[in-house]
PDB file of N, CA and C in Angstrom:
ATOM      1  N   MET A   1      21.332  57.147-185.221  1.00  0.00           N
ATOM      2  CA  MET A   1      20.220  57.888-184.646  1.00  0.00           C
ATOM      3  C   MET A   1      20.704  58.570-183.366  1.00  0.00           C
ATOM      4  N   ASN A   2      20.490  59.882-183.277  1.00  0.00           N
ATOM      5  CA  ASN A   2      20.922  60.609-182.089  1.00  0.00           C
ATOM      6  C   ASN A   2      19.850  60.555-180.997  1.00  0.00           C
ATOM      7  N   ALA A   3      20.158  61.141-179.856  1.00  0.00           N
ATOM      8  CA  ALA A   3      19.261  61.080-178.699  1.00  0.00           C
ATOM      9  C   ALA A   3      17.905  61.719-178.992  1.00  0.00           C
ATOM     10  N   MET A   4      17.891  62.846-179.698  1.00  0.00           N
ATOM     11  CA  MET A   4      16.628  63.507-180.026  1.00  0.00           C
ATOM     12  C   MET A   4      15.791  62.614-180.936  1.00  0.00           C
ATOM     13  N   GLU A   5      16.414  62.040-181.934  1.00  0.00           N
ATOM     14  CA  GLU A   5      15.684  61.154-182.848  1.00  0.00           C
ATOM     15  C   GLU A   5      15.113  59.940-182.116  1.00  0.00           C
ATOM     16  N   ARG A   6      15.902  59.384-181.186  1.00  0.00           N
ATOM     17  CA  ARG A   6      15.421  58.251-180.400  1.00  0.00           C
ATOM     18  C   ARG A   6      14.230  58.658-179.533  1.00  0.00           C
ATOM     19  N   TRP A   7      14.346  59.828-178.896  1.00  0.00           N
ATOM     20  CA  TRP A   7      13.258  60.298-178.043  1.00  0.00           C
ATOM     21  C   TRP A   7      11.991  60.538-178.862  1.00  0.00           C
ATOM     22  N   VAL A   8      12.119  61.226-179.987  1.00  0.00           N
ATOM     23  CA  VAL A   8      10.949  61.519-180.822  1.00  0.00           C
ATOM     24  C   VAL A   8      10.321  60.218-181.319  1.00  0.00           C
ATOM     25  N   ALA A   9      11.148  59.271-181.738  1.00  0.00           N
ATOM     26  CA  ALA A   9      10.625  57.979-182.201  1.00  0.00           C
ATOM     27  C   ALA A   9       9.865  57.271-181.080  1.00  0.00           C
ATOM     28  N   ALA A  10      10.415  57.274-179.875  1.00  0.00           N
ATOM     29  CA  ALA A  10       9.759  56.617-178.745  1.00  0.00           C
ATOM     30  C   ALA A  10       8.469  57.334-178.355  1.00  0.00           C
ATOM     31  N   ALA A  11       8.512  58.659-178.297  1.00  0.00           N
ATOM     32  CA  ALA A  11       7.319  59.430-177.942  1.00  0.00           C
ATOM     33  C   ALA A  11       6.233  59.248-179.001  1.00  0.00           C
ATOM     34  N   CYS A  12       6.624  59.247-180.265  1.00  0.00           N
ATOM     35  CA  CYS A  12       5.653  59.042-181.338  1.00  0.00           C
ATOM     36  C   CYS A  12       5.050  57.649-181.267  1.00  0.00           C
ATOM     37  N   ALA A  13       5.865  56.663-180.972  1.00  0.00           N
ATOM     38  CA  ALA A  13       5.341  55.303-180.835  1.00  0.00           C
ATOM     39  C   ALA A  13       4.326  55.239-179.694  1.00  0.00           C
ATOM     40  N   GLU A  14       4.626  55.912-178.608  1.00  0.00           N
ATOM     41  CA  GLU A  14       3.730  55.928-177.450  1.00  0.00           C
ATOM     42  C   GLU A  14       2.395  56.594-177.792  1.00  0.00           C
ATOM     43  N   LEU A  15       2.438  57.608-178.659  1.00  0.00           N
ATOM     44  CA  LEU A  15       1.243  58.383-179.008  1.00  0.00           C
ATOM     45  C   LEU A  15       0.626  57.968-180.335  1.00  0.00           C
ATOM     46  N   ASP A  16       1.166  56.912-180.948  1.00  0.00           N
ATOM     47  CA  ASP A  16       0.691  56.425-182.246  1.00  0.00           C
ATOM     48  C   ASP A  16       0.759  57.529-183.311  1.00  0.00           C
ATOM     49  N   LEU A  17       1.918  58.192-183.372  1.00  0.00           N
ATOM     50  CA  LEU A  17       2.164  59.239-184.363  1.00  0.00           C
ATOM     51  C   LEU A  17       3.297  58.804-185.284  1.00  0.00           C
ATOM     52  N   ASP A  18       3.353  59.427-186.449  1.00  0.00           N
ATOM     53  CA  ASP A  18       4.419  59.163-187.409  1.00  0.00           C
ATOM     54  C   ASP A  18       5.565  60.136-187.139  1.00  0.00           C
ATOM     55  N   PRO A  19       6.741  59.655-186.732  1.00  0.00           N
ATOM     56  CA  PRO A  19       7.857  60.561-186.452  1.00  0.00           C
ATOM     57  C   PRO A  19       8.292  61.380-187.664  1.00  0.00           C
ATOM     58  N   ALA A  20       8.010  60.892-188.848  1.00  0.00           N
ATOM     59  CA  ALA A  20       8.360  61.653-190.053  1.00  0.00           C
ATOM     60  C   ALA A  20       7.541  62.943-190.166  1.00  0.00           C
ATOM     61  N   GLN A  21       6.430  63.006-189.443  1.00  0.00           N
ATOM     62  CA  GLN A  21       5.575  64.190-189.488  1.00  0.00           C
ATOM     63  C   GLN A  21       5.971  65.248-188.458  1.00  0.00           C
ATOM     64  N   VAL A  22       7.000  64.963-187.667  1.00  0.00           N
ATOM     65  CA  VAL A  22       7.418  65.879-186.606  1.00  0.00           C
ATOM     66  C   VAL A  22       8.594  66.714-187.109  1.00  0.00           C
ATOM     67  N   ASP A  23       8.370  68.017-187.217  1.00  0.00           N
ATOM     68  CA  ASP A  23       9.415  68.934-187.672  1.00  0.00           C
ATOM     69  C   ASP A  23      10.167  69.450-186.442  1.00  0.00           C
ATOM     70  N   VAL A  24      11.088  68.635-185.949  1.00  0.00           N
ATOM     71  CA  VAL A  24      11.819  68.959-184.718  1.00  0.00           C
ATOM     72  C   VAL A  24      12.525  70.311-184.811  1.00  0.00           C
ATOM     73  N   PRO A  25      13.269  70.595-185.881  1.00  0.00           N
ATOM     74  CA  PRO A  25      13.941  71.906-185.940  1.00  0.00           C
ATOM     75  C   PRO A  25      12.977  73.089-185.835  1.00  0.00           C
ATOM     76  N   ARG A  26      11.813  72.976-186.451  1.00  0.00           N
ATOM     77  CA  ARG A  26      10.837  74.079-186.394  1.00  0.00           C
ATOM     78  C   ARG A  26      10.336  74.268-184.967  1.00  0.00           C
ATOM     79  N   VAL A  27      10.041  73.178-184.273  1.00  0.00           N
ATOM     80  CA  VAL A  27       9.556  73.277-182.893  1.00  0.00           C
ATOM     81  C   VAL A  27      10.642  73.846-181.987  1.00  0.00           C
ATOM     82  N   LEU A  28      11.883  73.385-182.176  1.00  0.00           N
ATOM     83  CA  LEU A  28      12.984  73.899-181.355  1.00  0.00           C
ATOM     84  C   LEU A  28      13.240  75.373-181.622  1.00  0.00           C
ATOM     85  N   ASP A  29      13.146  75.781-182.884  1.00  0.00           N
ATOM     86  CA  ASP A  29      13.332  77.200-183.215  1.00  0.00           C
ATOM     87  C   ASP A  29      12.237  78.049-182.572  1.00  0.00           C
ATOM     88  N   LEU A  30      11.004  77.561-182.643  1.00  0.00           N
ATOM     89  CA  LEU A  30       9.899  78.288-182.011  1.00  0.00           C
ATOM     90  C   LEU A  30      10.127  78.401-180.506  1.00  0.00           C
ATOM     91  N   ALA A  31      10.489  77.300-179.873  1.00  0.00           N
ATOM     92  CA  ALA A  31      10.736  77.325-178.428  1.00  0.00           C
ATOM     93  C   ALA A  31      11.858  78.287-178.073  1.00  0.00           C
ATOM     94  N   ARG A  32      12.915  78.295-178.876  1.00  0.00           N
ATOM     95  CA  ARG A  32      14.023  79.221-178.639  1.00  0.00           C
ATOM     96  C   ARG A  32      13.552  80.664-178.735  1.00  0.00           C
ATOM     97  N   ASP A  33      12.778  80.974-179.776  1.00  0.00           N
ATOM     98  CA  ASP A  33      12.324  82.349-179.973  1.00  0.00           C
ATOM     99  C   ASP A  33      11.424  82.815-178.834  1.00  0.00           C
ATOM    100  N   VAL A  34      10.560  81.936-178.361  1.00  0.00           N
ATOM    101  CA  VAL A  34       9.699  82.300-177.231  1.00  0.00           C
ATOM    102  C   VAL A  34      10.538  82.463-175.968  1.00  0.00           C
ATOM    103  N   ALA A  35      11.445  81.522-175.721  1.00  0.00           N
ATOM    104  CA  ALA A  35      12.275  81.590-174.516  1.00  0.00           C
ATOM    105  C   ALA A  35      13.118  82.853-174.482  1.00  0.00           C
ATOM    106  N   HIS A  36      13.649  83.255-175.613  1.00  0.00           N
ATOM    107  CA  HIS A  36      14.539  84.420-175.656  1.00  0.00           C
ATOM    108  C   HIS A  36      13.807  85.748-175.745  1.00  0.00           C
ATOM    109  N   ASN A  37      12.623  85.762-176.352  1.00  0.00           N
ATOM    110  CA  ASN A  37      11.926  87.033-176.583  1.00  0.00           C
ATOM    111  C   ASN A  37      10.738  87.279-175.670  1.00  0.00           C
ATOM    112  N   VAL A  38      10.201  86.230-175.093  1.00  0.00           N
ATOM    113  CA  VAL A  38       9.028  86.392-174.236  1.00  0.00           C
ATOM    114  C   VAL A  38       9.403  85.990-172.812  1.00  0.00           C
ATOM    115  N   LEU A  39       9.467  84.689-172.540  1.00  0.00           N
ATOM    116  CA  LEU A  39       9.950  84.175-171.265  1.00  0.00           C
ATOM    117  C   LEU A  39      10.162  82.675-171.396  1.00  0.00           C
ATOM    118  N   ARG A  40      11.138  82.171-170.652  1.00  0.00           N
ATOM    119  CA  ARG A  40      11.507  80.755-170.765  1.00  0.00           C
ATOM    120  C   ARG A  40      10.355  79.790-170.534  1.00  0.00           C
ATOM    121  N   PRO A  41       9.563  79.961-169.482  1.00  0.00           N
ATOM    122  CA  PRO A  41       8.469  79.004-169.282  1.00  0.00           C
ATOM    123  C   PRO A  41       7.423  79.037-170.400  1.00  0.00           C
ATOM    124  N   GLY A  42       7.442  80.090-171.180  1.00  0.00           N
ATOM    125  CA  GLY A  42       6.512  80.166-172.300  1.00  0.00           C
ATOM    126  C   GLY A  42       6.857  79.215-173.431  1.00  0.00           C
ATOM    127  N   ALA A  43       8.102  78.741-173.488  1.00  0.00           N
ATOM    128  CA  ALA A  43       8.525  77.874-174.585  1.00  0.00           C
ATOM    129  C   ALA A  43       7.768  76.546-174.608  1.00  0.00           C
ATOM    130  N   PRO A  44       7.750  75.781-173.515  1.00  0.00           N
ATOM    131  CA  PRO A  44       7.001  74.520-173.580  1.00  0.00           C
ATOM    132  C   PRO A  44       5.491  74.733-173.710  1.00  0.00           C
ATOM    133  N   VAL A  45       4.990  75.788-173.109  1.00  0.00           N
ATOM    134  CA  VAL A  45       3.554  76.066-173.221  1.00  0.00           C
ATOM    135  C   VAL A  45       3.204  76.383-174.673  1.00  0.00           C
ATOM    136  N   THR A  46       4.055  77.154-175.333  1.00  0.00           N
ATOM    137  CA  THR A  46       3.821  77.499-176.733  1.00  0.00           C
ATOM    138  C   THR A  46       3.915  76.260-177.619  1.00  0.00           C
ATOM    139  N   ALA A  47       4.869  75.382-177.336  1.00  0.00           N
ATOM    140  CA  ALA A  47       4.960  74.137-178.099  1.00  0.00           C
ATOM    141  C   ALA A  47       3.683  73.315-177.915  1.00  0.00           C
ATOM    142  N   TYR A  48       3.161  73.285-176.722  1.00  0.00           N
ATOM    143  CA  TYR A  48       1.898  72.595-176.468  1.00  0.00           C
ATOM    144  C   TYR A  48       0.761  73.238-177.261  1.00  0.00           C
ATOM    145  N   LEU A  49       0.686  74.570-177.219  1.00  0.00           N
ATOM    146  CA  LEU A  49      -0.359  75.277-177.955  1.00  0.00           C
ATOM    147  C   LEU A  49      -0.264  75.001-179.453  1.00  0.00           C
ATOM    148  N   LEU A  50       0.954  74.932-179.966  1.00  0.00           N
ATOM    149  CA  LEU A  50       1.150  74.577-181.372  1.00  0.00           C
ATOM    150  C   LEU A  50       0.562  73.195-181.633  1.00  0.00           C
ATOM    151  N   GLY A  51       0.836  72.256-180.757  1.00  0.00           N
ATOM    152  CA  GLY A  51       0.300  70.909-180.907  1.00  0.00           C
ATOM    153  C   GLY A  51      -1.214  70.868-180.868  1.00  0.00           C
ATOM    154  N   VAL A  52      -1.803  71.650-179.976  1.00  0.00           N
ATOM    155  CA  VAL A  52      -3.265  71.713-179.904  1.00  0.00           C
ATOM    156  C   VAL A  52      -3.816  72.268-181.215  1.00  0.00           C
ATOM    157  N   ALA A  53      -3.212  73.332-181.712  1.00  0.00           N
ATOM    158  CA  ALA A  53      -3.676  73.933-182.969  1.00  0.00           C
ATOM    159  C   ALA A  53      -3.562  72.949-184.129  1.00  0.00           C
ATOM    160  N   VAL A  54      -2.445  72.248-184.202  1.00  0.00           N
ATOM    161  CA  VAL A  54      -2.245  71.264-185.269  1.00  0.00           C
ATOM    162  C   VAL A  54      -3.249  70.118-185.110  1.00  0.00           C
ATOM    163  N   GLY A  55      -3.493  69.698-183.886  1.00  0.00           N
ATOM    164  CA  GLY A  55      -4.481  68.658-183.639  1.00  0.00           C
ATOM    165  C   GLY A  55      -5.876  69.061-184.061  1.00  0.00           C
ATOM    166  N   ARG A  56      -6.119  70.343-184.080  1.00  0.00           N
ATOM    167  CA  ARG A  56      -7.433  70.845-184.506  1.00  0.00           C
ATOM    168  C   ARG A  56      -7.460  71.173-185.998  1.00  0.00           C
ATOM    169  N   GLY A  57      -6.357  70.854-186.687  1.00  0.00           N
ATOM    170  CA  GLY A  57      -6.359  71.002-188.136  1.00  0.00           C
ATOM    171  C   GLY A  57      -5.490  72.106-188.703  1.00  0.00           C
ATOM    172  N   ALA A  58      -4.831  72.877-187.864  1.00  0.00           N
ATOM    173  CA  ALA A  58      -3.962  73.940-188.379  1.00  0.00           C
ATOM    174  C   ALA A  58      -2.752  73.339-189.090  1.00  0.00           C
ATOM    175  N   ASP A  59      -2.286  74.023-190.104  1.00  0.00           N
ATOM    176  CA  ASP A  59      -1.062  73.614-190.784  1.00  0.00           C
ATOM    177  C   ASP A  59       0.108  73.883-189.841  1.00  0.00           C
ATOM    178  N   PRO A  60       0.946  72.885-189.563  1.00  0.00           N
ATOM    179  CA  PRO A  60       2.033  73.078-188.599  1.00  0.00           C
ATOM    180  C   PRO A  60       2.991  74.202-188.981  1.00  0.00           C
ATOM    181  N   ALA A  61       3.343  74.298-190.243  1.00  0.00           N
ATOM    182  CA  ALA A  61       4.289  75.337-190.671  1.00  0.00           C
ATOM    183  C   ALA A  61       3.681  76.724-190.527  1.00  0.00           C
ATOM    184  N   VAL A  62       2.426  76.863-190.902  1.00  0.00           N
ATOM    185  CA  VAL A  62       1.748  78.165-190.814  1.00  0.00           C
ATOM    186  C   VAL A  62       1.586  78.580-189.357  1.00  0.00           C
ATOM    187  N   ALA A  63       1.151  77.650-188.516  1.00  0.00           N
ATOM    188  CA  ALA A  63       0.955  77.968-187.104  1.00  0.00           C
ATOM    189  C   ALA A  63       2.275  78.312-186.427  1.00  0.00           C
ATOM    190  N   ALA A  64       3.332  77.546-186.710  1.00  0.00           N
ATOM    191  CA  ALA A  64       4.643  77.831-186.111  1.00  0.00           C
ATOM    192  C   ALA A  64       5.175  79.174-186.588  1.00  0.00           C
ATOM    193  N   THR A  65       4.981  79.487-187.852  1.00  0.00           N
ATOM    194  CA  THR A  65       5.434  80.777-188.380  1.00  0.00           C
ATOM    195  C   THR A  65       4.702  81.929-187.703  1.00  0.00           C
ATOM    196  N   ALA A  66       3.403  81.771-187.499  1.00  0.00           N
ATOM    197  CA  ALA A  66       2.622  82.820-186.826  1.00  0.00           C
ATOM    198  C   ALA A  66       3.083  83.014-185.389  1.00  0.00           C
ATOM    199  N   LEU A  67       3.314  81.914-184.684  1.00  0.00           N
ATOM    200  CA  LEU A  67       3.774  82.024-183.297  1.00  0.00           C
ATOM    201  C   LEU A  67       5.188  82.588-183.209  1.00  0.00           C
ATOM    202  N   THR A  68       6.040  82.223-184.151  1.00  0.00           N
ATOM    203  CA  THR A  68       7.397  82.776-184.180  1.00  0.00           C
ATOM    204  C   THR A  68       7.344  84.283-184.404  1.00  0.00           C
ATOM    205  N   ALA A  69       6.508  84.711-185.326  1.00  0.00           N
ATOM    206  CA  ALA A  69       6.366  86.152-185.581  1.00  0.00           C
ATOM    207  C   ALA A  69       5.856  86.877-184.341  1.00  0.00           C
ATOM    208  N   LEU A  70       4.906  86.268-183.648  1.00  0.00           N
ATOM    209  CA  LEU A  70       4.397  86.870-182.410  1.00  0.00           C
ATOM    210  C   LEU A  70       5.514  86.988-181.382  1.00  0.00           C
ATOM    211  N   ALA A  71       6.290  85.923-181.219  1.00  0.00           N
ATOM    212  CA  ALA A  71       7.368  85.918-180.221  1.00  0.00           C
ATOM    213  C   ALA A  71       8.479  86.890-180.571  1.00  0.00           C
ATOM    214  N   THR A  72       8.899  86.905-181.828  1.00  0.00           N
ATOM    215  CA  THR A  72      10.023  87.774-182.202  1.00  0.00           C
ATOM    216  C   THR A  72       9.614  89.242-182.236  1.00  0.00           C
ATOM    217  N   GLY A  73       8.323  89.506-182.343  1.00  0.00           N
ATOM    218  CA  GLY A  73       7.850  90.882-182.297  1.00  0.00           C
ATOM    219  C   GLY A  73       7.369  91.308-180.923  1.00  0.00           C
ATOM    220  N   TRP A  74       7.514  90.425-179.946  1.00  0.00           N
ATOM    221  CA  TRP A  74       7.032  90.714-178.594  1.00  0.00           C
ATOM    222  C   TRP A  74       7.800  91.884-178.017  1.00  0.00           C
ATOM    223  N   PRO A  75       7.125  92.926-177.582  1.00  0.00           N
ATOM    224  CA  PRO A  75       7.825  94.108-177.049  1.00  0.00           C
ATOM    225  C   PRO A  75       8.560  93.803-175.747  1.00  0.00           C
ATOM    226  N   ALA A  76       9.750  94.339-175.641  1.00  0.00           N
ATOM    227  CA  ALA A  76      10.581  94.109-174.457  1.00  0.00           C
ATOM    228  C   ALA A  76       9.893  94.593-173.186  1.00  0.00           C
ATOM    229  N   ASP A  77       9.087  95.633-173.285  1.00  0.00           N
ATOM    230  CA  ASP A  77       8.433  96.164-172.090  1.00  0.00           C
ATOM    231  C   ASP A  77       7.291  95.272-171.608  1.00  0.00           C
ATOM    232  N   ARG A  78       6.945  94.248-172.371  1.00  0.00           N
ATOM    233  CA  ARG A  78       5.924  93.299-171.929  1.00  0.00           C
ATOM    234  C   ARG A  78       6.545  92.076-171.270  1.00  0.00           C
ATOM    235  N   ALA A  79       7.873  92.010-171.304  1.00  0.00           N
ATOM    236  CA  ALA A  79       8.568  90.875-170.678  1.00  0.00           C
ATOM    237  C   ALA A  79       8.418  90.963-169.167  1.00  0.00           C
ATOM    238  N   PRO A  80       8.451  89.844-168.475  1.00  0.00           N
ATOM    239  CA  PRO A  80       8.315  89.859-167.016  1.00  0.00           C
ATOM    240  C   PRO A  80       9.501  90.541-166.355  1.00  0.00           C
ATOM    241  N   ALA A  81       9.250  91.159-165.221  1.00  0.00           N
ATOM    242  CA  ALA A  81      10.289  91.872-164.496  1.00  0.00           C
ATOM    243  C   ALA A  81      11.222  90.919-163.753  1.00  0.00           C
ATOM    244  N   ALA A  82      10.698  89.809-163.271  1.00  0.00           N
ATOM    245  CA  ALA A  82      11.515  88.871-162.490  1.00  0.00           C
ATOM    246  C   ALA A  82      12.503  88.139-163.385  1.00  0.00           C
ATOM    247  N   PRO A  83      13.758  88.035-162.964  1.00  0.00           N
ATOM    248  CA  PRO A  83      14.755  87.375-163.799  1.00  0.00           C
ATOM    249  C   PRO A  83      14.512  85.885-163.996  1.00  0.00           C
ATOM    250  N   ASP A  84      13.754  85.245-163.122  1.00  0.00           N
ATOM    251  CA  ASP A  84      13.497  83.812-163.274  1.00  0.00           C
ATOM    252  C   ASP A  84      12.320  83.517-164.184  1.00  0.00           C
ATOM    253  N   GLY A  85      11.628  84.549-164.641  1.00  0.00           N
ATOM    254  CA  GLY A  85      10.527  84.381-165.572  1.00  0.00           C
ATOM    255  C   GLY A  85       9.255  83.835-164.955  1.00  0.00           C
ATOM    256  N   ASP A  86       9.149  83.887-163.624  1.00  0.00           N
ATOM    257  CA  ASP A  86       7.977  83.321-162.973  1.00  0.00           C
ATOM    258  C   ASP A  86       6.784  84.271-162.921  1.00  0.00           C
ATOM    259  N   SER A  87       7.011  85.548-163.153  1.00  0.00           N
ATOM    260  CA  SER A  87       5.859  86.456-163.108  1.00  0.00           C
ATOM    261  C   SER A  87       5.099  86.356-164.410  1.00  0.00           C
ATOM    262  N   GLU A  88       3.875  86.806-164.369  1.00  0.00           N
ATOM    263  CA  GLU A  88       2.929  86.775-165.476  1.00  0.00           C
ATOM    264  C   GLU A  88       2.401  85.427-165.695  1.00  0.00           C
TER     265      GLU A  88
END
C-alpha cells in the first residue's frame, strides 16, 4: 500500500466511507486540469465542489467529466493576471 492509499484509507475510516468508492485518479486528473487551465487554488475547491455534488446524489464520473470539460475549455483570457493565482 502506497502513501496515497494509506491516506485515503485513513481519511475514509475517519469519515465512515468506503475507500473502494473513491476514484483517486479521476479526482487527481480533475485537480490537475483545474490547476493548469484555470488556477491552482481552484483545484482543491473544485474537488470539494465535486464532493458536495456527489453527496447530493450526482454520479461521480459524470460530475467529474463535466468539471473537467469546463476546466479544459476555460478561456486563457479568463485566467487571473497574478502569477500566484491569488486574484479572482
